[in-house]
């Protein structure tokens, strides 16, 4: 009685192989984050300061601030990573340049997202 012994290592390697996300995923994610950021900004702009006297009215602006801030941060990081992935560094000087470009990208995207606010 000889039984076929399964190749567990091969099966694990096959099961845990990295999967590439769909090409349009980044664009869809960026669009969703952009719309969340814009909705949160609209909600905060429409808020009246006179209503802030009652603490029960603080929930909506606090939620808009948290959701908008998180979405804006994720959007800035996503865009900066996309630019950084386009040209990976090859040596230490390249790493320094890449870090500087990443910081500049973060600043530029943050300014673009916040606009005149």
N, C-alpha and C. Protein backbone atom coordinates (compact mmCIF):
# COMPACT_ATOMS: atom_id res chain seq x y z
N UNK A 1 0.83 -1.19 0.00
CA UNK A 1 0.00 0.00 0.00
C UNK A 1 0.87 1.25 0.00
N UNK A 2 0.99 1.81 -1.13
CA UNK A 2 1.74 3.07 -1.21
C UNK A 2 0.74 4.19 -1.43
N UNK A 3 0.86 5.16 -0.60
CA UNK A 3 -0.02 6.33 -0.70
C UNK A 3 0.78 7.50 -1.23
N UNK A 4 0.15 8.32 -1.98
CA UNK A 4 0.80 9.52 -2.49
C UNK A 4 0.88 10.55 -1.36
N UNK A 5 2.09 10.93 -1.04
CA UNK A 5 2.30 11.92 0.01
C UNK A 5 2.23 13.30 -0.62
N UNK A 6 1.32 14.14 -0.14
CA UNK A 6 1.20 15.47 -0.73
C UNK A 6 2.43 16.33 -0.40
N UNK A 7 2.79 17.15 -1.31
CA UNK A 7 3.91 18.08 -1.14
C UNK A 7 3.38 19.32 -0.42
N UNK A 8 3.45 19.30 0.91
CA UNK A 8 2.89 20.39 1.69
C UNK A 8 3.60 21.71 1.43
N UNK A 9 4.90 21.65 1.28
CA UNK A 9 5.64 22.88 1.02
C UNK A 9 5.21 23.50 -0.30
N UNK A 10 5.06 22.70 -1.32
CA UNK A 10 4.60 23.20 -2.62
C UNK A 10 3.19 23.75 -2.56
N UNK A 11 2.32 23.05 -1.82
CA UNK A 11 0.94 23.51 -1.67
C UNK A 11 0.88 24.84 -0.92
N UNK A 12 1.68 24.97 0.15
CA UNK A 12 1.72 26.23 0.89
C UNK A 12 2.27 27.36 0.03
N UNK A 13 3.32 27.09 -0.71
CA UNK A 13 3.90 28.11 -1.58
C UNK A 13 2.88 28.59 -2.60
N UNK A 14 2.13 27.65 -3.15
CA UNK A 14 1.11 27.99 -4.14
C UNK A 14 -0.04 28.78 -3.51
N UNK A 15 -0.44 28.38 -2.31
CA UNK A 15 -1.56 29.04 -1.64
C UNK A 15 -1.19 30.44 -1.16
N UNK A 16 0.07 30.65 -0.79
CA UNK A 16 0.48 31.93 -0.23
C UNK A 16 1.21 32.82 -1.23
N UNK A 17 1.08 32.51 -2.50
CA UNK A 17 1.72 33.33 -3.53
C UNK A 17 1.09 34.72 -3.56
N UNK A 18 1.90 35.77 -3.73
CA UNK A 18 1.34 37.13 -3.75
C UNK A 18 0.40 37.31 -4.94
N UNK A 19 -0.63 38.09 -4.71
CA UNK A 19 -1.62 38.36 -5.74
C UNK A 19 -1.56 39.85 -6.07
N UNK A 20 -1.45 40.17 -7.33
CA UNK A 20 -1.43 41.56 -7.75
C UNK A 20 -2.86 42.11 -7.75
N UNK A 21 -3.05 43.30 -7.17
CA UNK A 21 -4.39 43.90 -7.19
C UNK A 21 -4.75 44.36 -8.59
N UNK A 22 -6.03 44.51 -8.86
CA UNK A 22 -6.44 45.00 -10.18
C UNK A 22 -5.87 46.40 -10.45
N UNK A 23 -5.65 46.69 -11.72
CA UNK A 23 -5.04 47.98 -12.09
C UNK A 23 -5.91 49.16 -11.70
N UNK A 24 -7.22 49.02 -11.77
CA UNK A 24 -8.09 50.16 -11.47
C UNK A 24 -8.34 50.35 -9.98
N UNK A 25 -7.81 49.48 -9.14
CA UNK A 25 -8.04 49.58 -7.70
C UNK A 25 -7.51 50.88 -7.13
N UNK A 26 -6.31 51.27 -7.53
CA UNK A 26 -5.73 52.51 -7.01
C UNK A 26 -6.56 53.72 -7.42
N UNK A 27 -7.04 53.73 -8.64
CA UNK A 27 -7.87 54.85 -9.10
C UNK A 27 -9.20 54.89 -8.35
N UNK A 28 -9.81 53.73 -8.13
CA UNK A 28 -11.08 53.68 -7.38
C UNK A 28 -10.87 54.12 -5.94
N UNK A 29 -9.78 53.66 -5.32
CA UNK A 29 -9.49 54.04 -3.94
C UNK A 29 -9.23 55.54 -3.84
N UNK A 30 -8.47 56.07 -4.77
CA UNK A 30 -8.19 57.51 -4.77
C UNK A 30 -9.47 58.32 -4.95
N UNK A 31 -10.34 57.88 -5.83
CA UNK A 31 -11.63 58.57 -6.04
C UNK A 31 -12.50 58.53 -4.79
N UNK A 32 -12.55 57.38 -4.13
CA UNK A 32 -13.35 57.26 -2.91
C UNK A 32 -12.80 58.15 -1.80
N UNK A 33 -11.48 58.15 -1.63
CA UNK A 33 -10.87 59.00 -0.60
C UNK A 33 -11.09 60.47 -0.90
N UNK A 34 -11.00 60.84 -2.18
CA UNK A 34 -11.23 62.23 -2.58
C UNK A 34 -12.66 62.65 -2.27
N UNK A 35 -13.63 61.79 -2.57
CA UNK A 35 -15.03 62.15 -2.31
C UNK A 35 -15.32 62.23 -0.82
N UNK A 36 -14.73 61.36 -0.02
CA UNK A 36 -14.91 61.43 1.44
C UNK A 36 -14.34 62.74 1.97
N UNK A 37 -13.16 63.11 1.48
CA UNK A 37 -12.54 64.35 1.92
C UNK A 37 -13.40 65.55 1.55
N UNK A 38 -13.93 65.56 0.34
CA UNK A 38 -14.76 66.68 -0.10
C UNK A 38 -16.07 66.75 0.68
N UNK A 39 -16.69 65.59 0.94
CA UNK A 39 -17.94 65.58 1.73
C UNK A 39 -17.70 66.09 3.14
N UNK A 40 -16.58 65.68 3.74
CA UNK A 40 -16.27 66.15 5.09
C UNK A 40 -16.02 67.65 5.09
N UNK A 41 -15.31 68.16 4.08
CA UNK A 41 -15.06 69.59 4.00
C UNK A 41 -16.37 70.36 3.81
N UNK A 42 -17.27 69.84 2.98
CA UNK A 42 -18.56 70.48 2.79
C UNK A 42 -19.38 70.50 4.07
N UNK A 43 -19.33 69.40 4.79
CA UNK A 43 -20.05 69.32 6.07
C UNK A 43 -19.52 70.35 7.07
N UNK A 44 -18.21 70.48 7.13
CA UNK A 44 -17.62 71.45 8.06
C UNK A 44 -17.88 72.88 7.63
N UNK A 45 -17.89 73.15 6.32
CA UNK A 45 -18.16 74.50 5.84
C UNK A 45 -19.60 74.92 6.10
N UNK A 46 -20.52 73.97 6.05
CA UNK A 46 -21.93 74.26 6.25
C UNK A 46 -22.28 74.43 7.73
N UNK A 47 -21.37 74.11 8.61
CA UNK A 47 -21.66 74.13 10.03
C UNK A 47 -21.70 75.57 10.54
N UNK A 48 -22.65 75.85 11.39
CA UNK A 48 -22.78 77.18 11.98
C UNK A 48 -22.14 77.19 13.35
N UNK A 49 -21.34 78.22 13.59
CA UNK A 49 -20.65 78.31 14.88
C UNK A 49 -21.61 78.54 16.03
N UNK A 50 -22.75 79.15 15.78
CA UNK A 50 -23.71 79.40 16.86
C UNK A 50 -24.25 78.09 17.43
N UNK A 51 -24.27 77.04 16.63
CA UNK A 51 -24.78 75.76 17.10
C UNK A 51 -23.78 75.02 17.98
N UNK A 52 -22.55 75.50 18.07
CA UNK A 52 -21.52 74.81 18.85
C UNK A 52 -21.71 74.99 20.36
N UNK A 53 -22.61 75.83 20.77
CA UNK A 53 -22.83 76.02 22.22
C UNK A 53 -23.38 74.77 22.88
N UNK A 54 -24.16 74.02 22.14
CA UNK A 54 -24.77 72.80 22.67
C UNK A 54 -23.87 71.61 22.34
N UNK A 55 -23.32 70.93 23.34
CA UNK A 55 -22.41 69.80 23.08
C UNK A 55 -23.05 68.66 22.30
N UNK A 56 -24.37 68.56 22.29
CA UNK A 56 -25.02 67.51 21.52
C UNK A 56 -24.82 67.71 20.02
N UNK A 57 -24.50 68.92 19.62
CA UNK A 57 -24.30 69.22 18.20
C UNK A 57 -22.86 68.99 17.74
N UNK A 58 -22.02 68.53 18.62
CA UNK A 58 -20.60 68.38 18.28
C UNK A 58 -20.31 67.07 17.54
N UNK A 59 -21.24 66.15 17.52
CA UNK A 59 -20.98 64.82 16.96
C UNK A 59 -20.71 64.89 15.45
N UNK A 60 -21.58 65.58 14.71
CA UNK A 60 -21.42 65.62 13.24
C UNK A 60 -20.12 66.30 12.82
N UNK A 61 -19.78 67.48 13.37
CA UNK A 61 -18.51 68.07 12.94
C UNK A 61 -17.30 67.24 13.39
N UNK A 62 -17.38 66.61 14.56
CA UNK A 62 -16.27 65.78 15.02
C UNK A 62 -16.10 64.57 14.10
N UNK A 63 -17.21 63.95 13.70
CA UNK A 63 -17.14 62.81 12.79
C UNK A 63 -16.63 63.25 11.42
N UNK A 64 -17.08 64.41 10.94
CA UNK A 64 -16.61 64.92 9.65
C UNK A 64 -15.12 65.24 9.70
N UNK A 65 -14.68 65.79 10.81
CA UNK A 65 -13.27 66.12 10.97
C UNK A 65 -12.42 64.84 11.01
N UNK A 66 -12.87 63.84 11.74
CA UNK A 66 -12.12 62.58 11.83
C UNK A 66 -12.09 61.85 10.50
N UNK A 67 -13.25 61.72 9.85
CA UNK A 67 -13.31 61.00 8.58
C UNK A 67 -12.55 61.75 7.49
N UNK A 68 -12.73 63.06 7.44
CA UNK A 68 -12.04 63.86 6.43
C UNK A 68 -10.54 63.87 6.64
N UNK A 69 -10.12 63.97 7.89
CA UNK A 69 -8.69 63.95 8.18
C UNK A 69 -8.04 62.62 7.83
N UNK A 70 -8.72 61.53 8.18
CA UNK A 70 -8.19 60.21 7.86
C UNK A 70 -8.13 59.99 6.35
N UNK A 71 -9.20 60.38 5.65
CA UNK A 71 -9.23 60.20 4.19
C UNK A 71 -8.19 61.07 3.51
N UNK A 72 -8.04 62.30 3.97
CA UNK A 72 -7.05 63.20 3.38
C UNK A 72 -5.63 62.68 3.61
N UNK A 73 -5.36 62.19 4.80
CA UNK A 73 -4.04 61.63 5.10
C UNK A 73 -3.76 60.41 4.23
N UNK A 74 -4.74 59.53 4.12
CA UNK A 74 -4.56 58.34 3.28
C UNK A 74 -4.36 58.72 1.82
N UNK A 75 -5.07 59.74 1.37
CA UNK A 75 -4.94 60.19 -0.02
C UNK A 75 -3.56 60.76 -0.29
N UNK A 76 -3.05 61.56 0.64
CA UNK A 76 -1.71 62.13 0.49
C UNK A 76 -0.66 61.02 0.46
N UNK A 77 -0.77 60.07 1.36
CA UNK A 77 0.19 58.97 1.41
C UNK A 77 0.10 58.10 0.15
N UNK A 78 -1.12 57.83 -0.31
CA UNK A 78 -1.30 57.02 -1.51
C UNK A 78 -0.66 57.68 -2.72
N UNK A 79 -0.88 58.97 -2.88
CA UNK A 79 -0.29 59.68 -4.02
C UNK A 79 1.23 59.76 -3.91
N UNK A 80 1.74 59.98 -2.71
CA UNK A 80 3.20 60.05 -2.53
C UNK A 80 3.84 58.69 -2.80
N UNK A 81 3.21 57.61 -2.35
CA UNK A 81 3.74 56.26 -2.61
C UNK A 81 3.72 55.93 -4.09
N UNK A 82 2.67 56.39 -4.77
CA UNK A 82 2.58 56.13 -6.21
C UNK A 82 3.73 56.81 -6.95
N UNK A 83 4.04 58.03 -6.57
CA UNK A 83 5.16 58.74 -7.20
C UNK A 83 6.50 58.12 -6.82
N UNK A 84 6.62 57.68 -5.57
CA UNK A 84 7.88 57.09 -5.12
C UNK A 84 8.13 55.74 -5.79
N UNK A 85 7.08 54.99 -6.08
CA UNK A 85 7.24 53.69 -6.71
C UNK A 85 7.66 53.81 -8.17
N UNK A 86 7.44 54.97 -8.75
CA UNK A 86 7.78 55.16 -10.15
C UNK A 86 9.29 55.14 -10.39
N UNK A 87 10.06 55.60 -9.41
CA UNK A 87 11.52 55.62 -9.57
C UNK A 87 12.19 55.18 -8.26
N UNK A 88 12.38 53.87 -8.06
CA UNK A 88 12.99 53.38 -6.83
C UNK A 88 14.47 53.78 -6.74
N UNK A 89 14.96 54.10 -5.53
CA UNK A 89 16.36 54.49 -5.37
C UNK A 89 17.31 53.30 -5.57
N UNK A 90 18.54 53.60 -6.05
CA UNK A 90 19.51 52.54 -6.31
C UNK A 90 20.70 52.55 -5.35
N UNK A 91 20.93 53.69 -4.67
CA UNK A 91 22.05 53.77 -3.73
C UNK A 91 21.68 54.74 -2.61
N UNK A 92 22.62 55.02 -1.72
CA UNK A 92 22.35 55.88 -0.56
C UNK A 92 21.96 57.28 -1.00
N UNK A 93 22.65 57.83 -1.97
CA UNK A 93 22.31 59.17 -2.46
C UNK A 93 20.90 59.16 -3.05
N UNK A 94 20.54 58.07 -3.71
CA UNK A 94 19.20 57.94 -4.27
C UNK A 94 18.14 57.85 -3.18
N UNK A 95 18.49 57.20 -2.06
CA UNK A 95 17.56 57.11 -0.93
C UNK A 95 17.31 58.49 -0.36
N UNK A 96 18.37 59.28 -0.22
CA UNK A 96 18.22 60.66 0.29
C UNK A 96 17.34 61.48 -0.65
N UNK A 97 17.61 61.37 -1.95
CA UNK A 97 16.80 62.11 -2.92
C UNK A 97 15.34 61.67 -2.85
N UNK A 98 15.14 60.36 -2.76
CA UNK A 98 13.78 59.83 -2.70
C UNK A 98 13.05 60.31 -1.45
N UNK A 99 13.76 60.36 -0.32
CA UNK A 99 13.15 60.85 0.92
C UNK A 99 12.77 62.32 0.78
N UNK A 100 13.66 63.09 0.19
CA UNK A 100 13.37 64.51 -0.02
C UNK A 100 12.19 64.71 -0.96
N UNK A 101 12.15 63.92 -2.04
CA UNK A 101 11.02 64.02 -2.98
C UNK A 101 9.71 63.60 -2.32
N UNK A 102 9.80 62.58 -1.47
CA UNK A 102 8.59 62.12 -0.78
C UNK A 102 8.06 63.20 0.14
N UNK A 103 8.94 63.86 0.88
CA UNK A 103 8.50 64.95 1.75
C UNK A 103 7.91 66.10 0.94
N UNK A 104 8.53 66.42 -0.18
CA UNK A 104 8.00 67.47 -1.05
C UNK A 104 6.64 67.07 -1.61
N UNK A 105 6.50 65.80 -2.00
CA UNK A 105 5.21 65.32 -2.50
C UNK A 105 4.13 65.41 -1.43
N UNK A 106 4.49 65.01 -0.20
CA UNK A 106 3.53 65.10 0.90
C UNK A 106 3.08 66.53 1.12
N UNK A 107 4.03 67.46 1.10
CA UNK A 107 3.69 68.86 1.28
C UNK A 107 2.81 69.37 0.14
N UNK A 108 3.18 69.05 -1.10
CA UNK A 108 2.43 69.52 -2.26
C UNK A 108 1.00 68.95 -2.25
N UNK A 109 0.87 67.66 -1.96
CA UNK A 109 -0.46 67.05 -1.95
C UNK A 109 -1.30 67.60 -0.82
N UNK A 110 -0.69 67.85 0.33
CA UNK A 110 -1.44 68.41 1.46
C UNK A 110 -1.93 69.80 1.10
N UNK A 111 -1.08 70.62 0.52
CA UNK A 111 -1.49 71.97 0.11
C UNK A 111 -2.59 71.90 -0.95
N UNK A 112 -2.46 70.99 -1.89
CA UNK A 112 -3.45 70.85 -2.96
C UNK A 112 -4.79 70.41 -2.39
N UNK A 113 -4.75 69.50 -1.42
CA UNK A 113 -5.97 68.99 -0.83
C UNK A 113 -6.67 70.04 0.03
N UNK A 114 -5.88 70.78 0.80
CA UNK A 114 -6.47 71.77 1.69
C UNK A 114 -6.86 73.04 0.95
N UNK A 115 -6.15 73.35 -0.12
CA UNK A 115 -6.48 74.54 -0.90
C UNK A 115 -6.33 75.81 -0.09
N UNK A 116 -7.35 76.65 -0.13
CA UNK A 116 -7.30 77.94 0.58
C UNK A 116 -7.88 77.86 1.98
N UNK A 117 -8.16 76.68 2.44
CA UNK A 117 -8.79 76.54 3.77
C UNK A 117 -7.83 76.79 4.87
